[in-house]
N, C-alpha and C. Protein backbone atom coordinates (compact mmCIF):
# COMPACT_ATOMS: atom_id res chain seq x y z
N MET A 1 -21.46 -5.27 19.07
CA MET A 1 -21.47 -5.13 17.62
C MET A 1 -20.05 -5.32 17.08
N THR A 2 -19.94 -6.04 16.02
CA THR A 2 -18.65 -6.26 15.37
C THR A 2 -18.48 -5.21 14.28
N LEU A 3 -17.36 -4.55 14.30
CA LEU A 3 -17.07 -3.54 13.27
C LEU A 3 -16.78 -4.22 11.95
N PRO A 4 -17.13 -3.57 10.83
CA PRO A 4 -16.86 -4.14 9.51
C PRO A 4 -15.42 -3.88 9.07
N TYR A 5 -15.06 -4.51 7.96
CA TYR A 5 -13.79 -4.20 7.30
C TYR A 5 -14.01 -3.02 6.35
N ARG A 6 -12.98 -2.23 6.19
CA ARG A 6 -13.00 -1.13 5.21
C ARG A 6 -12.47 -1.66 3.88
N ASP A 7 -13.20 -1.40 2.79
CA ASP A 7 -12.71 -1.79 1.47
C ASP A 7 -11.57 -0.88 1.06
N ASN A 8 -10.52 -1.48 0.51
CA ASN A 8 -9.27 -0.80 0.28
C ASN A 8 -8.60 -1.43 -0.94
N VAL A 9 -7.77 -0.65 -1.62
CA VAL A 9 -6.95 -1.17 -2.72
C VAL A 9 -5.48 -0.89 -2.42
N GLY A 10 -4.60 -1.69 -3.01
CA GLY A 10 -3.17 -1.49 -2.81
C GLY A 10 -2.41 -1.73 -4.10
N ALA A 11 -1.27 -1.04 -4.22
CA ALA A 11 -0.44 -1.12 -5.42
C ALA A 11 0.94 -1.67 -5.09
N VAL A 12 1.31 -2.73 -5.77
CA VAL A 12 2.69 -3.22 -5.74
C VAL A 12 3.28 -2.72 -7.05
N LEU A 13 3.98 -1.58 -6.96
CA LEU A 13 4.47 -0.87 -8.14
C LEU A 13 5.92 -1.26 -8.40
N PHE A 14 6.14 -1.97 -9.50
CA PHE A 14 7.46 -2.46 -9.88
C PHE A 14 8.14 -1.48 -10.82
N ASN A 15 9.43 -1.24 -10.60
CA ASN A 15 10.20 -0.46 -11.57
C ASN A 15 10.80 -1.41 -12.62
N ALA A 16 11.56 -0.87 -13.55
CA ALA A 16 12.13 -1.68 -14.63
C ALA A 16 13.14 -2.71 -14.11
N ALA A 17 13.71 -2.46 -12.92
CA ALA A 17 14.68 -3.39 -12.34
C ALA A 17 14.01 -4.47 -11.48
N GLY A 18 12.68 -4.43 -11.38
CA GLY A 18 11.97 -5.44 -10.60
C GLY A 18 11.86 -5.13 -9.12
N GLN A 19 12.22 -3.91 -8.73
CA GLN A 19 12.05 -3.50 -7.33
C GLN A 19 10.67 -2.87 -7.16
N VAL A 20 10.22 -2.76 -5.91
CA VAL A 20 8.91 -2.20 -5.63
C VAL A 20 9.03 -0.91 -4.82
N LEU A 21 8.09 -0.01 -5.05
CA LEU A 21 8.07 1.25 -4.34
C LEU A 21 7.48 1.04 -2.94
N VAL A 22 8.23 1.46 -1.94
CA VAL A 22 7.74 1.51 -0.56
C VAL A 22 7.89 2.95 -0.08
N ALA A 23 6.97 3.35 0.80
CA ALA A 23 6.99 4.71 1.31
C ALA A 23 6.89 4.68 2.83
N ARG A 24 7.56 5.66 3.46
CA ARG A 24 7.59 5.73 4.92
C ARG A 24 6.44 6.60 5.41
N ARG A 25 5.68 6.05 6.34
CA ARG A 25 4.53 6.77 6.89
C ARG A 25 4.98 8.04 7.62
N ALA A 26 4.35 9.16 7.29
CA ALA A 26 4.70 10.44 7.90
C ALA A 26 4.23 10.52 9.35
N ASP A 27 3.26 9.70 9.74
CA ASP A 27 2.74 9.79 11.10
C ASP A 27 3.48 8.90 12.10
N MET A 28 4.57 8.28 11.68
CA MET A 28 5.36 7.46 12.60
C MET A 28 6.42 8.34 13.26
N PRO A 29 6.55 8.27 14.57
CA PRO A 29 7.63 9.03 15.21
C PRO A 29 8.98 8.62 14.64
N ARG A 30 9.87 9.59 14.47
CA ARG A 30 11.18 9.32 13.86
C ARG A 30 11.92 8.19 14.57
N ALA A 31 11.77 8.06 15.88
CA ALA A 31 12.45 7.00 16.62
C ALA A 31 11.96 5.62 16.20
N GLU A 32 10.74 5.56 15.64
CA GLU A 32 10.16 4.28 15.21
C GLU A 32 10.16 4.14 13.70
N ALA A 33 10.89 4.98 13.00
CA ALA A 33 10.77 5.05 11.55
C ALA A 33 11.57 3.99 10.81
N GLY A 34 11.96 2.94 11.44
CA GLY A 34 12.66 1.86 10.78
C GLY A 34 11.66 0.83 10.27
N ALA A 35 11.94 -0.43 10.53
CA ALA A 35 11.03 -1.50 10.13
C ALA A 35 9.67 -1.23 10.75
N GLY A 36 8.63 -1.46 9.97
CA GLY A 36 7.28 -1.22 10.44
C GLY A 36 6.71 0.12 10.04
N SER A 37 7.54 1.01 9.54
CA SER A 37 7.03 2.32 9.16
C SER A 37 6.91 2.47 7.64
N TRP A 38 7.27 1.42 6.91
CA TRP A 38 7.22 1.46 5.45
C TRP A 38 6.02 0.66 4.97
N GLN A 39 5.40 1.13 3.91
CA GLN A 39 4.28 0.39 3.34
C GLN A 39 4.17 0.67 1.86
N LEU A 40 3.35 -0.12 1.23
CA LEU A 40 3.01 0.05 -0.18
C LEU A 40 1.90 1.09 -0.28
N PRO A 41 1.79 1.76 -1.43
CA PRO A 41 0.66 2.68 -1.61
C PRO A 41 -0.66 1.92 -1.51
N GLN A 42 -1.57 2.44 -0.74
CA GLN A 42 -2.88 1.81 -0.57
C GLN A 42 -3.86 2.85 -0.07
N GLY A 43 -5.14 2.58 -0.24
CA GLY A 43 -6.12 3.53 0.26
C GLY A 43 -7.53 3.02 0.09
N GLY A 44 -8.43 3.70 0.75
CA GLY A 44 -9.83 3.30 0.76
C GLY A 44 -10.52 3.52 -0.58
N MET A 45 -11.51 2.69 -0.81
CA MET A 45 -12.33 2.80 -2.01
C MET A 45 -13.56 3.64 -1.71
N ASP A 46 -13.98 4.42 -2.68
CA ASP A 46 -15.23 5.16 -2.56
C ASP A 46 -16.39 4.19 -2.80
N PRO A 47 -17.56 4.46 -2.22
CA PRO A 47 -18.71 3.55 -2.44
C PRO A 47 -18.99 3.35 -3.93
N GLY A 48 -19.08 2.09 -4.33
CA GLY A 48 -19.37 1.76 -5.72
C GLY A 48 -18.20 1.88 -6.68
N GLU A 49 -17.03 2.29 -6.19
CA GLU A 49 -15.87 2.49 -7.05
C GLU A 49 -15.28 1.16 -7.48
N ASP A 50 -14.91 1.05 -8.73
CA ASP A 50 -14.26 -0.14 -9.25
C ASP A 50 -12.84 -0.20 -8.67
N PRO A 51 -12.40 -1.37 -8.19
CA PRO A 51 -11.06 -1.45 -7.60
C PRO A 51 -9.93 -1.02 -8.54
N THR A 52 -10.05 -1.33 -9.82
CA THR A 52 -8.99 -0.94 -10.77
C THR A 52 -8.92 0.58 -10.90
N VAL A 53 -10.04 1.24 -10.94
CA VAL A 53 -10.08 2.70 -10.98
C VAL A 53 -9.49 3.25 -9.68
N ALA A 54 -9.88 2.64 -8.56
CA ALA A 54 -9.44 3.11 -7.25
C ALA A 54 -7.93 3.03 -7.08
N VAL A 55 -7.30 1.97 -7.58
CA VAL A 55 -5.85 1.83 -7.36
C VAL A 55 -5.08 2.92 -8.10
N PHE A 56 -5.51 3.28 -9.29
CA PHE A 56 -4.83 4.36 -10.01
C PHE A 56 -5.09 5.72 -9.33
N ARG A 57 -6.30 5.93 -8.83
CA ARG A 57 -6.61 7.16 -8.10
C ARG A 57 -5.75 7.26 -6.84
N GLU A 58 -5.66 6.16 -6.09
CA GLU A 58 -4.87 6.16 -4.86
C GLU A 58 -3.39 6.41 -5.13
N MET A 59 -2.85 5.80 -6.19
CA MET A 59 -1.44 6.06 -6.52
C MET A 59 -1.22 7.54 -6.80
N GLU A 60 -2.12 8.13 -7.56
CA GLU A 60 -1.95 9.54 -7.88
C GLU A 60 -2.05 10.40 -6.61
N GLU A 61 -2.99 10.09 -5.72
CA GLU A 61 -3.14 10.86 -4.49
C GLU A 61 -1.94 10.70 -3.57
N GLU A 62 -1.41 9.50 -3.45
CA GLU A 62 -0.37 9.23 -2.45
C GLU A 62 1.05 9.44 -2.96
N ILE A 63 1.30 9.08 -4.23
CA ILE A 63 2.67 9.18 -4.73
C ILE A 63 2.80 10.09 -5.96
N GLY A 64 1.69 10.74 -6.35
CA GLY A 64 1.76 11.77 -7.36
C GLY A 64 1.76 11.30 -8.80
N THR A 65 1.57 10.01 -9.04
CA THR A 65 1.57 9.54 -10.42
C THR A 65 0.63 8.36 -10.58
N ARG A 66 0.12 8.25 -11.79
CA ARG A 66 -0.64 7.06 -12.19
C ARG A 66 -0.01 6.46 -13.45
N ASN A 67 1.24 6.83 -13.69
CA ASN A 67 1.95 6.41 -14.88
C ASN A 67 2.44 4.96 -14.71
N ALA A 68 1.53 4.03 -14.89
CA ALA A 68 1.83 2.61 -14.69
C ALA A 68 0.92 1.76 -15.56
N ALA A 69 1.39 0.56 -15.84
CA ALA A 69 0.61 -0.43 -16.58
C ALA A 69 0.19 -1.53 -15.62
N LEU A 70 -1.05 -1.94 -15.71
CA LEU A 70 -1.56 -3.01 -14.87
C LEU A 70 -0.98 -4.35 -15.32
N LEU A 71 -0.35 -5.06 -14.38
CA LEU A 71 0.21 -6.38 -14.68
C LEU A 71 -0.73 -7.50 -14.24
N ALA A 72 -1.31 -7.36 -13.05
CA ALA A 72 -2.18 -8.41 -12.52
C ALA A 72 -2.98 -7.88 -11.36
N GLU A 73 -4.11 -8.52 -11.12
CA GLU A 73 -4.93 -8.28 -9.95
C GLU A 73 -4.84 -9.53 -9.09
N HIS A 74 -4.58 -9.37 -7.81
CA HIS A 74 -4.55 -10.54 -6.94
C HIS A 74 -5.94 -11.15 -6.93
N PRO A 75 -6.04 -12.49 -7.06
CA PRO A 75 -7.37 -13.10 -7.19
C PRO A 75 -8.24 -13.01 -5.93
N ALA A 76 -7.64 -12.83 -4.78
CA ALA A 76 -8.42 -12.83 -3.53
C ALA A 76 -8.42 -11.45 -2.89
N TRP A 77 -9.46 -11.18 -2.13
CA TRP A 77 -9.45 -10.04 -1.22
C TRP A 77 -8.67 -10.49 0.00
N LEU A 78 -7.67 -9.71 0.40
CA LEU A 78 -6.84 -10.04 1.56
C LEU A 78 -7.29 -9.16 2.73
N HIS A 79 -7.35 -9.75 3.92
CA HIS A 79 -7.86 -9.05 5.10
C HIS A 79 -6.78 -8.91 6.16
N TYR A 80 -6.84 -7.82 6.91
CA TYR A 80 -6.08 -7.75 8.15
C TYR A 80 -6.94 -7.10 9.21
N ASP A 81 -6.71 -7.51 10.45
CA ASP A 81 -7.37 -6.94 11.61
C ASP A 81 -6.41 -5.99 12.30
N LEU A 82 -6.93 -4.88 12.76
CA LEU A 82 -6.13 -3.95 13.55
C LEU A 82 -5.83 -4.59 14.91
N PRO A 83 -4.68 -4.26 15.49
CA PRO A 83 -4.43 -4.70 16.86
C PRO A 83 -5.44 -4.03 17.81
N ALA A 84 -5.70 -4.68 18.94
CA ALA A 84 -6.73 -4.21 19.88
C ALA A 84 -6.55 -2.75 20.27
N HIS A 85 -5.31 -2.30 20.46
CA HIS A 85 -5.11 -0.91 20.90
C HIS A 85 -5.44 0.13 19.83
N LEU A 86 -5.62 -0.30 18.57
CA LEU A 86 -5.96 0.63 17.50
C LEU A 86 -7.44 0.61 17.13
N ILE A 87 -8.17 -0.41 17.58
CA ILE A 87 -9.60 -0.48 17.26
C ILE A 87 -10.30 0.68 17.96
N GLY A 88 -11.13 1.37 17.20
CA GLY A 88 -11.81 2.54 17.72
C GLY A 88 -11.01 3.82 17.55
N LYS A 89 -9.75 3.69 17.08
CA LYS A 89 -8.89 4.87 16.88
C LYS A 89 -8.48 4.99 15.42
N ALA A 90 -7.83 3.96 14.90
CA ALA A 90 -7.38 3.99 13.50
C ALA A 90 -8.58 3.82 12.56
N LEU A 91 -8.37 4.22 11.32
CA LEU A 91 -9.40 4.09 10.28
C LEU A 91 -10.69 4.80 10.70
N GLY A 92 -10.55 5.93 11.36
CA GLY A 92 -11.71 6.70 11.78
C GLY A 92 -12.52 6.07 12.90
N GLY A 93 -11.99 4.99 13.48
CA GLY A 93 -12.68 4.32 14.57
C GLY A 93 -13.88 3.50 14.15
N ARG A 94 -14.11 3.39 12.84
CA ARG A 94 -15.32 2.73 12.35
C ARG A 94 -15.11 1.32 11.82
N PHE A 95 -13.84 0.86 11.77
CA PHE A 95 -13.54 -0.42 11.14
C PHE A 95 -12.64 -1.27 12.02
N ARG A 96 -12.73 -2.58 11.85
CA ARG A 96 -11.88 -3.50 12.62
C ARG A 96 -10.58 -3.82 11.88
N GLY A 97 -10.52 -3.44 10.61
CA GLY A 97 -9.37 -3.69 9.76
C GLY A 97 -9.75 -3.37 8.33
N GLN A 98 -9.00 -3.95 7.40
CA GLN A 98 -9.27 -3.66 6.00
C GLN A 98 -9.36 -4.94 5.18
N ARG A 99 -10.22 -4.86 4.17
CA ARG A 99 -10.37 -5.89 3.15
C ARG A 99 -9.77 -5.27 1.90
N GLN A 100 -8.66 -5.87 1.42
CA GLN A 100 -7.87 -5.21 0.38
C GLN A 100 -7.82 -6.01 -0.93
N LYS A 101 -7.94 -5.28 -2.02
CA LYS A 101 -7.72 -5.83 -3.36
C LYS A 101 -6.39 -5.26 -3.84
N TRP A 102 -5.44 -6.15 -4.13
CA TRP A 102 -4.08 -5.74 -4.49
C TRP A 102 -3.83 -5.92 -5.98
N PHE A 103 -3.00 -5.02 -6.51
CA PHE A 103 -2.65 -5.02 -7.93
C PHE A 103 -1.13 -4.94 -8.09
N ALA A 104 -0.61 -5.68 -9.05
CA ALA A 104 0.78 -5.52 -9.48
C ALA A 104 0.76 -4.59 -10.68
N LEU A 105 1.64 -3.59 -10.67
CA LEU A 105 1.72 -2.62 -11.75
C LEU A 105 3.18 -2.38 -12.11
N ARG A 106 3.43 -2.03 -13.37
CA ARG A 106 4.77 -1.68 -13.82
C ARG A 106 4.84 -0.16 -13.98
N PHE A 107 5.75 0.47 -13.25
CA PHE A 107 5.94 1.92 -13.34
C PHE A 107 6.54 2.26 -14.69
N LEU A 108 5.94 3.19 -15.39
CA LEU A 108 6.39 3.55 -16.74
C LEU A 108 7.13 4.88 -16.77
N GLY A 109 7.22 5.55 -15.64
CA GLY A 109 7.80 6.88 -15.61
C GLY A 109 9.22 6.91 -15.09
N THR A 110 9.61 8.08 -14.64
CA THR A 110 10.93 8.28 -14.04
C THR A 110 10.74 8.60 -12.56
N ASP A 111 11.80 8.42 -11.79
CA ASP A 111 11.72 8.69 -10.36
C ASP A 111 11.26 10.11 -10.05
N ALA A 112 11.56 11.05 -10.93
CA ALA A 112 11.16 12.45 -10.71
C ALA A 112 9.64 12.62 -10.67
N GLU A 113 8.91 11.67 -11.23
CA GLU A 113 7.44 11.74 -11.21
C GLU A 113 6.84 11.37 -9.86
N ILE A 114 7.60 10.73 -9.00
CA ILE A 114 7.10 10.34 -7.68
C ILE A 114 7.08 11.59 -6.81
N ARG A 115 5.90 11.99 -6.39
CA ARG A 115 5.72 13.21 -5.59
C ARG A 115 4.88 12.89 -4.37
N LEU A 116 5.44 13.09 -3.21
CA LEU A 116 4.72 12.84 -1.96
C LEU A 116 4.08 14.09 -1.39
N ASP A 117 4.35 15.23 -2.01
CA ASP A 117 3.96 16.52 -1.45
C ASP A 117 2.76 17.16 -2.14
N LEU A 118 2.03 16.42 -2.94
CA LEU A 118 0.91 17.02 -3.67
C LEU A 118 -0.35 17.14 -2.82
N ASP A 119 -0.50 16.27 -1.84
CA ASP A 119 -1.66 16.31 -0.95
C ASP A 119 -1.36 17.28 0.19
N PRO A 120 -2.34 18.07 0.64
CA PRO A 120 -2.07 18.99 1.75
C PRO A 120 -1.69 18.27 3.06
N HIS A 121 -2.07 17.01 3.18
CA HIS A 121 -1.73 16.19 4.35
C HIS A 121 -1.09 14.90 3.87
N PRO A 122 0.18 14.96 3.46
CA PRO A 122 0.81 13.77 2.88
C PRO A 122 0.85 12.60 3.87
N GLU A 123 0.59 11.41 3.34
CA GLU A 123 0.64 10.20 4.16
C GLU A 123 2.08 9.74 4.37
N PHE A 124 2.96 10.08 3.41
CA PHE A 124 4.34 9.61 3.44
C PHE A 124 5.31 10.78 3.45
N ASP A 125 6.51 10.53 4.04
CA ASP A 125 7.53 11.58 4.03
C ASP A 125 8.81 11.15 3.32
N ALA A 126 8.87 9.91 2.85
CA ALA A 126 10.03 9.41 2.10
C ALA A 126 9.59 8.18 1.31
N TRP A 127 10.35 7.88 0.28
CA TRP A 127 10.07 6.67 -0.49
C TRP A 127 11.39 6.11 -1.01
N ARG A 128 11.35 4.84 -1.41
CA ARG A 128 12.52 4.21 -2.02
C ARG A 128 12.07 2.96 -2.76
N TRP A 129 12.97 2.44 -3.57
CA TRP A 129 12.75 1.15 -4.24
C TRP A 129 13.34 0.07 -3.35
N ALA A 130 12.62 -1.04 -3.20
CA ALA A 130 13.05 -2.14 -2.34
C ALA A 130 12.86 -3.46 -3.06
N ALA A 131 13.57 -4.46 -2.63
CA ALA A 131 13.37 -5.81 -3.15
C ALA A 131 12.01 -6.31 -2.68
N LEU A 132 11.30 -7.01 -3.54
CA LEU A 132 9.99 -7.55 -3.19
C LEU A 132 10.07 -8.42 -1.93
N ALA A 133 11.11 -9.19 -1.80
CA ALA A 133 11.26 -10.10 -0.66
C ALA A 133 11.40 -9.35 0.67
N GLU A 134 11.77 -8.06 0.63
CA GLU A 134 11.91 -7.25 1.85
C GLU A 134 10.57 -6.84 2.46
N LEU A 135 9.50 -6.91 1.68
CA LEU A 135 8.23 -6.33 2.11
C LEU A 135 7.79 -6.74 3.51
N PRO A 136 7.73 -8.04 3.83
CA PRO A 136 7.22 -8.39 5.17
C PRO A 136 8.02 -7.77 6.30
N ALA A 137 9.31 -7.68 6.17
CA ALA A 137 10.15 -7.12 7.25
C ALA A 137 9.97 -5.62 7.39
N LEU A 138 9.52 -4.93 6.35
CA LEU A 138 9.35 -3.49 6.39
C LEU A 138 8.02 -3.06 6.99
N ALA A 139 7.04 -3.97 6.98
CA ALA A 139 5.67 -3.64 7.35
C ALA A 139 5.42 -3.71 8.86
N VAL A 140 4.36 -3.03 9.29
CA VAL A 140 3.90 -3.18 10.67
C VAL A 140 3.48 -4.64 10.85
N PRO A 141 3.61 -5.17 12.06
CA PRO A 141 3.34 -6.59 12.27
C PRO A 141 1.97 -7.07 11.77
N PHE A 142 0.93 -6.27 11.93
CA PHE A 142 -0.39 -6.75 11.53
C PHE A 142 -0.61 -6.77 10.01
N LYS A 143 0.33 -6.23 9.23
CA LYS A 143 0.24 -6.30 7.77
C LYS A 143 1.25 -7.30 7.18
N ARG A 144 2.08 -7.89 8.00
CA ARG A 144 3.16 -8.74 7.47
C ARG A 144 2.66 -9.96 6.71
N ASP A 145 1.59 -10.59 7.16
CA ASP A 145 1.08 -11.76 6.43
C ASP A 145 0.63 -11.39 5.03
N ILE A 146 -0.04 -10.24 4.90
CA ILE A 146 -0.47 -9.79 3.57
C ILE A 146 0.75 -9.51 2.70
N TYR A 147 1.76 -8.83 3.25
CA TYR A 147 2.95 -8.51 2.47
C TYR A 147 3.71 -9.78 2.07
N ALA A 148 3.71 -10.79 2.93
CA ALA A 148 4.34 -12.06 2.57
C ALA A 148 3.57 -12.73 1.43
N THR A 149 2.25 -12.66 1.47
CA THR A 149 1.43 -13.21 0.39
C THR A 149 1.72 -12.49 -0.93
N LEU A 150 1.80 -11.17 -0.88
CA LEU A 150 2.09 -10.39 -2.09
C LEU A 150 3.48 -10.71 -2.63
N ALA A 151 4.47 -10.83 -1.74
CA ALA A 151 5.84 -11.15 -2.17
C ALA A 151 5.87 -12.51 -2.86
N ARG A 152 5.11 -13.44 -2.36
CA ARG A 152 5.05 -14.77 -2.98
C ARG A 152 4.27 -14.75 -4.29
N ASP A 153 3.09 -14.16 -4.26
CA ASP A 153 2.19 -14.26 -5.42
C ASP A 153 2.55 -13.34 -6.57
N PHE A 154 3.30 -12.27 -6.30
CA PHE A 154 3.71 -11.36 -7.37
C PHE A 154 5.19 -11.51 -7.72
N ALA A 155 5.85 -12.57 -7.22
CA ALA A 155 7.27 -12.78 -7.50
C ALA A 155 7.56 -12.92 -8.99
N ARG A 156 6.60 -13.35 -9.75
CA ARG A 156 6.81 -13.53 -11.20
C ARG A 156 7.09 -12.21 -11.94
N PHE A 157 6.82 -11.09 -11.28
CA PHE A 157 7.06 -9.79 -11.92
C PHE A 157 8.42 -9.19 -11.61
N VAL A 158 9.21 -9.88 -10.77
CA VAL A 158 10.58 -9.45 -10.51
C VAL A 158 11.40 -9.88 -11.72
N VAL A 159 12.12 -8.92 -12.30
CA VAL A 159 12.88 -9.23 -13.53
C VAL A 159 14.32 -9.62 -13.21
């Protein structure tokens, strides 16, 4: 049996300077917390949930704010497959990877609004603003193609 993809949404959140918010995964060992441990806010969709609603919900859950304006929705669903050693372990063991709908958003708040500690089990332990072009190098290898696509397709929002 082939495992399905998990439906997921992701946020490319731009600040006023044209940088994007990246966050460091809390479940990465500190020795590995360099390249590959940073990602964009993203998360699973509830059954029947509209992707636009889901992306704002996920931002609030993961980074503590939904104070953003929608700039664009990526026209395609982007997919990634988990590496073989993670199949059956990651994503609850029920999925082979994720099918993601990505959004570009403009952050309307202040840095003080970014809160990683609101969830009892935070996904991230640090965050920072990064250049859009840095995204592929910051991501785990199996997400790099998606991050390269986002860096290319959302480059028009860098000011």
